[in-house]
Amino acid sequence: MLSGNTEFIIWHDHEKLLQLSAPPSSVRVTAPARLHLGFLDPGATLGRQFGSIGMALDGIATRVAVEAHDEFIVTGLVDERVLALVDRVIEDQQLSRDVRITIETRIDEHAGLGSGTQLALALGTALTHHAGSVSSPQMLARLLARGKRSGTGLGLFQRGGLIVDGGRGADAGVPPLIAQSDVPEAWRVILVSDQRAAGFSGDAEVSAFAALQPLSREGAARLCHHTLMGVLPALAVGDFPAFCTHVGAVQTVIGEHFSASQGGSFTSPGVGRVMAFCAAELALTGIGQSSWGPTAFAFVPDAERAAEVVDQLEQNFDDDSAITFSICTPRNRGADIEITNPSKQRLHASG
């Protein structure tokens, strides 16, 4: 828990590094969940592999706090993965272990919401900032082996909104960010998840990708067209129906392509039934599955419509307690970094 009477410094632009006159006494990083709205070219039939569309969500996050302490303590929502990440950052950056690390909240694992990347970046950022060493998210992603396929987690940690990355090239580095746009604040996302199911991760994910047949050049070209000439222009002018049409089209191609690996367009049959109802009975078009699921999503234009849709879904699927519904808002900023500086002094430097 962060404490003290010193001021908090909060900023969201990770390209402008904040230099403190002394190492901070405490740091808290809040990293948002994300939707993965689809790949552009999973098989590199057009040259670069994968390419992704991602969107940051408010209200679901991983939050990590680091503060000075007389002994090394890692507490909160801790498991072996957390301990391994902490050790790697401390050893690589040669940081002191005189800290208390608290994992306050965590994005659900294997739900398709970007839990692994956000946990890694939140921990790495909190630890290095607390040591007075402002490490870039790109460096931390390389160190902690994130961004091997998609650059959306890294890009959304930095900027939020909706982003498109350019896929993996010959250098196999983190895919470059090629587009970013804010999402209208009135829009809402309804999340549908199955508490019994989990998306692929680790070796299972590697095997699933290896078993996929390459998407055709024509299929990849359609995905790129829907993204460049559909999703992004619709966001630029706030055209909600067009945005949903093109997101839905991307998801149709991706769902069909991955169906052999995940048993259909949706990992969870229960979630699949809900999404079929959303399409047929509620006339929602901006629907799909985030990454390997089991979380699915449906875009609606405002909070009132979101409440109406969730009410209808709860009434029609009340016989399955494992299926859950929630409403999220878009997040048009990246991670929050709160720093308590004992000297109450700061210098601003570009970097």
Protein backbone atom coordinates (compact mmCIF):
# COMPACT_ATOMS: atom_id res chain seq x y z
CA MET A 1 0.00 0.00 0.00
CA LEU A 2 1.43 3.39 -0.93
CA SER A 3 1.57 5.81 1.95
CA GLY A 4 2.96 9.15 3.05
CA ASN A 5 2.09 12.79 2.73
CA THR A 6 4.08 13.53 -0.39
CA GLU A 7 2.55 14.51 -3.67
CA PHE A 8 1.56 12.10 -6.38
CA ILE A 9 2.87 12.59 -9.87
CA ILE A 10 0.78 11.00 -12.60
CA TRP A 11 1.53 10.97 -16.30
CA HIS A 12 0.49 8.93 -19.28
CA ASP A 13 3.00 9.82 -22.00
CA HIS A 14 5.75 7.23 -21.73
CA GLU A 15 7.81 8.97 -24.40
CA LYS A 16 8.44 11.92 -22.04
CA LEU A 17 10.56 10.58 -19.22
CA LEU A 18 10.20 12.17 -15.83
CA GLN A 19 13.46 12.68 -13.97
CA LEU A 20 13.18 12.99 -10.20
CA SER A 21 15.74 14.66 -7.99
CA ALA A 22 15.86 11.47 -5.88
CA PRO A 23 14.51 7.93 -6.26
CA PRO A 24 10.80 7.86 -5.31
CA SER A 25 9.66 6.34 -2.06
CA SER A 26 6.84 4.47 -3.76
CA VAL A 27 5.43 3.71 -7.21
CA ARG A 28 2.10 2.30 -8.29
CA VAL A 29 1.41 1.21 -11.89
CA THR A 30 -2.09 0.45 -13.17
CA ALA A 31 -2.07 -1.38 -16.53
CA PRO A 32 -5.38 -1.70 -18.43
CA ALA A 33 -6.90 -4.82 -19.95
CA ARG A 34 -7.25 -4.97 -23.70
CA LEU A 35 -9.40 -6.49 -26.38
CA HIS A 36 -7.62 -8.23 -29.22
CA LEU A 37 -9.91 -7.58 -32.19
CA GLY A 38 -8.09 -9.68 -34.74
CA PHE A 39 -4.94 -10.43 -36.73
CA LEU A 40 -4.32 -9.02 -40.19
CA ASP A 41 -2.11 -11.71 -41.72
CA PRO A 42 -1.44 -14.68 -39.40
CA GLY A 43 0.53 -16.62 -42.01
CA ALA A 44 2.58 -13.75 -43.49
CA THR A 45 1.12 -14.34 -46.94
CA LEU A 46 1.47 -10.60 -47.63
CA GLY A 47 4.98 -10.35 -46.15
CA ARG A 48 4.72 -9.47 -42.45
CA GLN A 49 3.27 -11.98 -39.98
CA PHE A 50 0.28 -11.36 -37.73
CA GLY A 51 -0.40 -7.62 -37.43
CA SER A 52 -3.04 -6.90 -34.79
CA ILE A 53 -5.92 -4.65 -33.80
CA GLY A 54 -6.25 -3.96 -30.09
CA MET A 55 -8.31 -1.70 -27.84
CA ALA A 56 -7.76 -0.67 -24.20
CA LEU A 57 -10.53 -1.12 -21.64
CA ASP A 58 -11.23 0.88 -18.52
CA GLY A 59 -12.24 -0.78 -15.27
CA ILE A 60 -10.24 -4.02 -15.64
CA ALA A 61 -6.58 -3.72 -14.77
CA THR A 62 -3.46 -5.12 -13.18
CA ARG A 63 -2.18 -2.86 -10.40
CA VAL A 64 1.29 -3.19 -8.87
CA ALA A 65 2.80 -1.15 -6.04
CA VAL A 66 6.47 -0.98 -5.05
CA GLU A 67 7.75 0.82 -1.97
CA ALA A 68 10.94 1.00 0.02
CA HIS A 69 11.21 -1.63 2.75
CA ASP A 70 13.84 -3.09 5.03
CA GLU A 71 13.38 -6.58 3.60
CA PHE A 72 12.29 -8.18 0.34
CA ILE A 73 8.55 -8.95 0.35
CA VAL A 74 6.24 -9.89 -2.52
CA THR A 75 2.61 -10.01 -1.43
CA GLY A 76 -0.95 -9.85 -2.74
CA LEU A 77 -2.02 -11.86 -5.78
CA VAL A 78 1.30 -13.66 -6.13
CA ASP A 79 2.19 -16.85 -7.97
CA GLU A 80 5.28 -18.39 -9.56
CA ARG A 81 4.85 -16.26 -12.66
CA VAL A 82 5.03 -13.05 -10.62
CA LEU A 83 8.11 -14.22 -8.74
CA ALA A 84 9.89 -15.18 -11.96
CA LEU A 85 9.18 -11.78 -13.53
CA VAL A 86 10.36 -9.94 -10.43
CA ASP A 87 13.59 -11.94 -10.28
CA ARG A 88 14.34 -11.34 -13.93
CA VAL A 89 13.91 -7.57 -13.71
CA ILE A 90 15.91 -7.25 -10.48
CA GLU A 91 18.76 -9.41 -11.72
CA ASP A 92 18.97 -7.90 -15.21
CA GLN A 93 18.77 -4.30 -13.99
CA GLN A 94 20.81 -4.98 -10.85
CA LEU A 95 18.16 -3.48 -8.57
CA SER A 96 18.06 -3.52 -4.79
CA ARG A 97 15.81 -6.08 -3.08
CA ASP A 98 14.99 -3.67 -0.24
CA VAL A 99 11.42 -3.33 -1.48
CA ARG A 100 7.90 -4.43 -0.75
CA ILE A 101 6.01 -5.42 -3.93
CA THR A 102 2.23 -5.70 -3.74
CA ILE A 103 0.14 -7.18 -6.56
CA GLU A 104 -3.11 -5.38 -5.76
CA THR A 105 -5.26 -6.51 -8.69
CA ARG A 106 -4.74 -8.76 -11.72
CA ILE A 107 -6.48 -9.19 -15.03
CA ASP A 108 -7.91 -12.71 -15.24
CA GLU A 109 -5.43 -15.09 -16.87
CA HIS A 110 -6.21 -17.00 -20.08
CA ALA A 111 -9.33 -14.90 -20.69
CA GLY A 112 -8.14 -13.10 -23.83
CA LEU A 113 -7.68 -9.74 -22.08
CA GLY A 114 -3.89 -9.40 -22.22
CA SER A 115 -3.07 -10.41 -18.66
CA GLY A 116 0.48 -11.63 -19.30
CA THR A 117 1.83 -8.56 -21.06
CA GLN A 118 0.18 -6.10 -18.68
CA LEU A 119 1.49 -7.95 -15.62
CA ALA A 120 5.03 -8.03 -17.02
CA LEU A 121 5.04 -4.37 -18.03
CA ALA A 122 3.43 -3.19 -14.79
CA LEU A 123 5.98 -5.06 -12.66
CA GLY A 124 8.94 -3.99 -14.76
CA THR A 125 7.86 -0.36 -14.85
CA ALA A 126 7.13 -0.18 -11.12
CA LEU A 127 10.44 -1.79 -10.15
CA THR A 128 12.66 0.26 -12.46
CA HIS A 129 10.89 3.56 -11.74
CA HIS A 130 11.20 2.92 -8.01
CA ALA A 131 14.93 2.43 -8.46
CA GLY A 132 15.15 5.78 -10.26
CA SER A 133 15.82 4.09 -13.60
CA VAL A 134 13.08 4.94 -16.10
CA SER A 135 13.18 1.92 -18.43
CA SER A 136 11.16 2.08 -21.61
CA PRO A 137 8.24 -0.31 -22.15
CA GLN A 138 10.00 -1.54 -25.31
CA MET A 139 13.07 -2.57 -23.34
CA LEU A 140 10.95 -4.27 -20.70
CA ALA A 141 8.95 -6.12 -23.36
CA ARG A 142 12.16 -7.52 -24.83
CA LEU A 143 13.55 -8.41 -21.42
CA LEU A 144 10.36 -10.18 -20.32
CA ALA A 145 9.66 -11.88 -23.67
CA ARG A 146 6.43 -10.05 -24.48
CA GLY A 147 5.21 -8.93 -27.90
CA LYS A 148 6.41 -11.98 -29.81
CA ARG A 149 3.27 -12.02 -31.99
CA SER A 150 1.22 -8.95 -31.18
CA GLY A 151 2.35 -5.43 -30.37
CA THR A 152 -1.07 -4.41 -29.07
CA GLY A 153 -0.33 -5.07 -25.40
CA LEU A 154 2.78 -2.90 -25.47
CA GLY A 155 1.15 -0.15 -27.55
CA LEU A 156 -1.94 0.01 -25.35
CA PHE A 157 0.18 0.08 -22.19
CA GLN A 158 1.79 3.21 -23.60
CA ARG A 159 -1.10 4.99 -25.32
CA GLY A 160 -4.50 3.37 -24.87
CA GLY A 161 -7.31 3.85 -27.39
CA LEU A 162 -7.39 1.56 -30.41
CA ILE A 163 -4.13 0.64 -32.10
CA VAL A 164 -2.93 -1.34 -35.09
CA ASP A 165 0.52 -2.89 -35.19
CA GLY A 166 2.42 -3.75 -38.34
CA GLY A 167 3.16 -7.37 -37.63
CA ARG A 168 6.43 -9.21 -37.20
CA GLY A 169 9.15 -8.67 -39.78
CA ALA A 170 12.44 -10.42 -40.46
CA ASP A 171 14.04 -8.99 -37.32
CA ALA A 172 11.46 -10.75 -35.10
CA GLY A 173 11.32 -7.69 -32.83
CA VAL A 174 8.21 -6.28 -31.17
CA PRO A 175 5.79 -5.39 -33.99
CA PRO A 176 5.78 -1.63 -34.70
CA LEU A 177 2.80 0.55 -33.86
CA ILE A 178 1.43 1.95 -37.13
CA ALA A 179 -1.88 3.55 -36.10
CA GLN A 180 -3.54 4.84 -32.94
CA SER A 181 -6.93 6.44 -32.49
CA ASP A 182 -9.06 7.44 -29.54
CA VAL A 183 -12.40 5.64 -29.20
CA PRO A 184 -15.54 7.75 -28.60
CA GLU A 185 -16.11 7.89 -24.86
CA ALA A 186 -19.84 7.24 -25.18
CA TRP A 187 -19.32 3.81 -26.78
CA ARG A 188 -19.52 0.76 -24.57
CA VAL A 189 -18.27 -2.82 -24.78
CA ILE A 190 -20.24 -5.73 -23.35
CA LEU A 191 -17.98 -8.59 -22.29
CA VAL A 192 -19.29 -12.15 -22.23
CA SER A 193 -17.19 -14.81 -20.55
CA ASP A 194 -17.43 -18.45 -19.50
CA GLN A 195 -15.95 -19.12 -16.05
CA ARG A 196 -15.50 -22.81 -16.99
CA ALA A 197 -13.31 -22.15 -20.01
CA ALA A 198 -9.83 -20.79 -20.71
CA GLY A 199 -8.08 -19.66 -23.86
CA PHE A 200 -4.85 -21.19 -25.14
CA SER A 201 -1.54 -20.09 -23.65
CA GLY A 202 2.06 -21.28 -23.43
CA ASP A 203 2.86 -24.51 -25.27
CA ALA A 204 -0.80 -25.07 -26.18
CA GLU A 205 -0.88 -21.71 -27.95
CA VAL A 206 2.35 -22.44 -29.81
CA SER A 207 0.96 -25.79 -30.95
CA ALA A 208 -2.32 -24.22 -32.06
CA PHE A 209 -0.54 -21.64 -34.20
CA ALA A 210 1.74 -24.30 -35.67
CA ALA A 211 -1.25 -26.40 -36.72
CA LEU A 212 -2.99 -23.55 -38.54
CA GLN A 213 -3.09 -23.53 -42.31
CA PRO A 214 -1.89 -20.20 -43.76
CA LEU A 215 -4.65 -17.69 -44.39
CA SER A 216 -4.96 -17.02 -48.12
CA ARG A 217 -3.61 -13.82 -49.63
CA GLU A 218 -7.18 -12.88 -50.46
CA GLY A 219 -8.28 -13.41 -46.85
CA ALA A 220 -5.37 -11.36 -45.50
CA ALA A 221 -6.10 -8.62 -48.04
CA ARG A 222 -9.73 -8.47 -46.86
CA LEU A 223 -8.61 -8.12 -43.25
CA CYS A 224 -6.20 -5.32 -44.16
CA HIS A 225 -8.88 -3.55 -46.22
CA HIS A 226 -11.48 -3.75 -43.44
CA THR A 227 -8.92 -2.33 -41.01
CA LEU A 228 -7.39 0.45 -43.11
CA MET A 229 -10.51 1.52 -45.01
CA GLY A 230 -13.13 0.53 -42.46
CA VAL A 231 -12.24 0.40 -38.76
CA LEU A 232 -9.81 3.34 -38.72
CA PRO A 233 -11.85 5.79 -40.82
CA ALA A 234 -14.99 4.92 -38.85
CA LEU A 235 -13.18 5.80 -35.63
CA ALA A 236 -11.84 9.01 -37.13
CA VAL A 237 -15.36 10.30 -37.86
CA GLY A 238 -17.19 8.56 -34.99
CA ASP A 239 -19.28 6.37 -37.32
CA PHE A 240 -20.46 3.66 -34.92
CA PRO A 241 -22.44 1.50 -37.42
CA ALA A 242 -19.53 1.41 -39.87
CA PHE A 243 -17.06 0.62 -37.09
CA CYS A 244 -19.18 -2.34 -35.99
CA THR A 245 -19.64 -3.58 -39.54
CA HIS A 246 -15.91 -3.70 -40.18
CA VAL A 247 -14.96 -5.13 -36.77
CA GLY A 248 -17.58 -7.83 -37.32
CA ALA A 249 -16.17 -8.57 -40.78
CA VAL A 250 -12.64 -8.94 -39.39
CA GLN A 251 -13.95 -11.25 -36.68
CA THR A 252 -15.85 -13.41 -39.18
CA VAL A 253 -12.68 -14.09 -41.19
CA ILE A 254 -10.56 -14.67 -38.08
CA GLY A 255 -13.20 -16.84 -36.39
CA GLU A 256 -13.47 -19.10 -39.42
CA HIS A 257 -9.69 -19.30 -39.77
CA PHE A 258 -9.14 -20.33 -36.13
CA SER A 259 -12.24 -22.50 -35.81
CA ALA A 260 -10.40 -25.78 -36.41
CA SER A 261 -8.02 -25.06 -33.52
CA GLN A 262 -10.56 -23.81 -31.00
CA GLY A 263 -13.61 -25.89 -31.87
CA GLY A 264 -15.61 -23.19 -33.64
CA SER A 265 -15.64 -19.42 -33.99
CA PHE A 266 -15.80 -19.17 -30.19
CA THR A 267 -13.71 -21.16 -27.72
CA SER A 268 -16.67 -21.60 -25.39
CA PRO A 269 -19.88 -23.13 -26.82
CA GLY A 270 -21.84 -21.27 -24.14
CA VAL A 271 -20.36 -17.94 -25.17
CA GLY A 272 -21.00 -18.88 -28.81
CA ARG A 273 -24.72 -19.30 -28.06
CA VAL A 274 -24.85 -15.88 -26.43
CA MET A 275 -23.12 -14.22 -29.37
CA ALA A 276 -25.46 -15.93 -31.84
CA PHE A 277 -28.35 -14.45 -29.86
CA CYS A 278 -26.68 -11.02 -29.95
CA ALA A 279 -26.45 -11.20 -33.73
CA ALA A 280 -29.84 -12.74 -34.54
CA GLU A 281 -32.11 -11.29 -31.86
CA LEU A 282 -30.42 -8.04 -30.86
CA ALA A 283 -29.04 -7.09 -34.31
CA LEU A 284 -25.55 -6.39 -32.95
CA THR A 285 -22.86 -6.43 -35.63
CA GLY A 286 -19.67 -5.41 -33.79
CA ILE A 287 -19.21 -8.76 -32.09
CA GLY A 288 -16.43 -11.32 -31.78
CA GLN A 289 -13.92 -13.04 -29.52
CA SER A 290 -10.87 -11.43 -27.96
CA SER A 291 -7.74 -13.44 -28.76
CA TRP A 292 -8.27 -17.15 -27.85
CA GLY A 293 -11.17 -16.26 -25.58
CA PRO A 294 -13.19 -17.35 -23.79
CA THR A 295 -14.10 -13.65 -23.50
CA ALA A 296 -16.28 -12.36 -26.30
CA PHE A 297 -17.36 -8.78 -26.90
CA ALA A 298 -20.21 -6.78 -28.36
CA PHE A 299 -19.99 -3.06 -29.10
CA VAL A 300 -22.98 -0.84 -28.34
CA PRO A 301 -23.32 2.92 -28.94
CA ASP A 302 -23.94 4.15 -25.38
CA ALA A 303 -24.48 3.27 -21.73
CA GLU A 304 -28.27 3.10 -22.02
CA ARG A 305 -28.15 0.53 -24.81
CA ALA A 306 -25.50 -1.42 -22.91
CA ALA A 307 -27.77 -1.72 -19.87
CA GLU A 308 -30.66 -2.85 -22.06
CA VAL A 309 -28.59 -5.51 -23.79
CA VAL A 310 -27.15 -6.92 -20.56
CA ASP A 311 -30.65 -7.06 -19.07
CA GLN A 312 -31.88 -9.07 -22.08
CA LEU A 313 -28.87 -11.39 -21.93
CA GLU A 314 -29.32 -12.05 -18.22
CA GLN A 315 -32.97 -12.88 -18.77
CA ASN A 316 -32.30 -15.24 -21.67
CA PHE A 317 -29.24 -17.02 -20.26
CA ASP A 318 -30.05 -17.14 -16.54
CA ASP A 319 -29.91 -20.95 -16.64
CA ASP A 320 -26.09 -20.91 -17.05
CA SER A 321 -24.42 -19.34 -14.02
CA ALA A 322 -20.94 -19.78 -15.53
CA ILE A 323 -21.68 -17.22 -18.27
CA THR A 324 -21.04 -13.70 -17.01
CA PHE A 325 -21.75 -10.27 -18.48
CA SER A 326 -20.06 -6.94 -17.79
CA ILE A 327 -19.98 -3.48 -19.33
CA CYS A 328 -16.70 -1.67 -20.04
CA THR A 329 -15.79 1.73 -21.39
CA PRO A 330 -12.96 2.47 -23.83
CA ARG A 331 -9.75 3.79 -22.29
CA ASN A 332 -8.00 6.49 -24.28
CA ARG A 333 -4.80 6.56 -22.26
CA GLY A 334 -2.16 4.05 -21.34
CA ALA A 335 -1.03 2.83 -17.95
CA ASP A 336 -1.20 5.12 -14.93
CA ILE A 337 2.09 5.58 -13.10
CA GLU A 338 1.76 7.23 -9.68
CA ILE A 339 4.99 8.30 -8.01
CA THR A 340 5.40 9.53 -4.47
CA ASN A 341 8.51 11.70 -4.40
CA PRO A 342 9.84 12.43 -0.92
CA SER A 343 11.53 15.64 -2.05
CA LYS A 344 8.41 16.98 -3.78
CA GLN A 345 10.70 18.15 -6.57
CA ARG A 346 10.78 17.10 -10.18
CA LEU A 347 12.44 17.96 -13.42
CA HIS A 348 10.75 17.41 -16.76
CA ALA A 349 12.91 16.12 -19.56
CA SER A 350 12.02 14.87 -23.02
CA GLY A 351 13.28 11.46 -23.96
